[in-house]
């Protein structure tokens, strides 16, 4: 699940979009992603603003 609000991310989304002045960034909830059986690449995790 992907959320575009902080509330959606806190509610259990795997990826949260962050609106920044120059575009978009994202953060990853790795434990939730793994629980859902998703596999995220190390390259994607390096690009994330936050991984928890």
Foldseek 3Di string as FASTA:
>chain_A
DEEADPVVVVVQDQKYWDQDPVGIAIEGAVVSCVVVVHDDDPVNNVRHPYYD
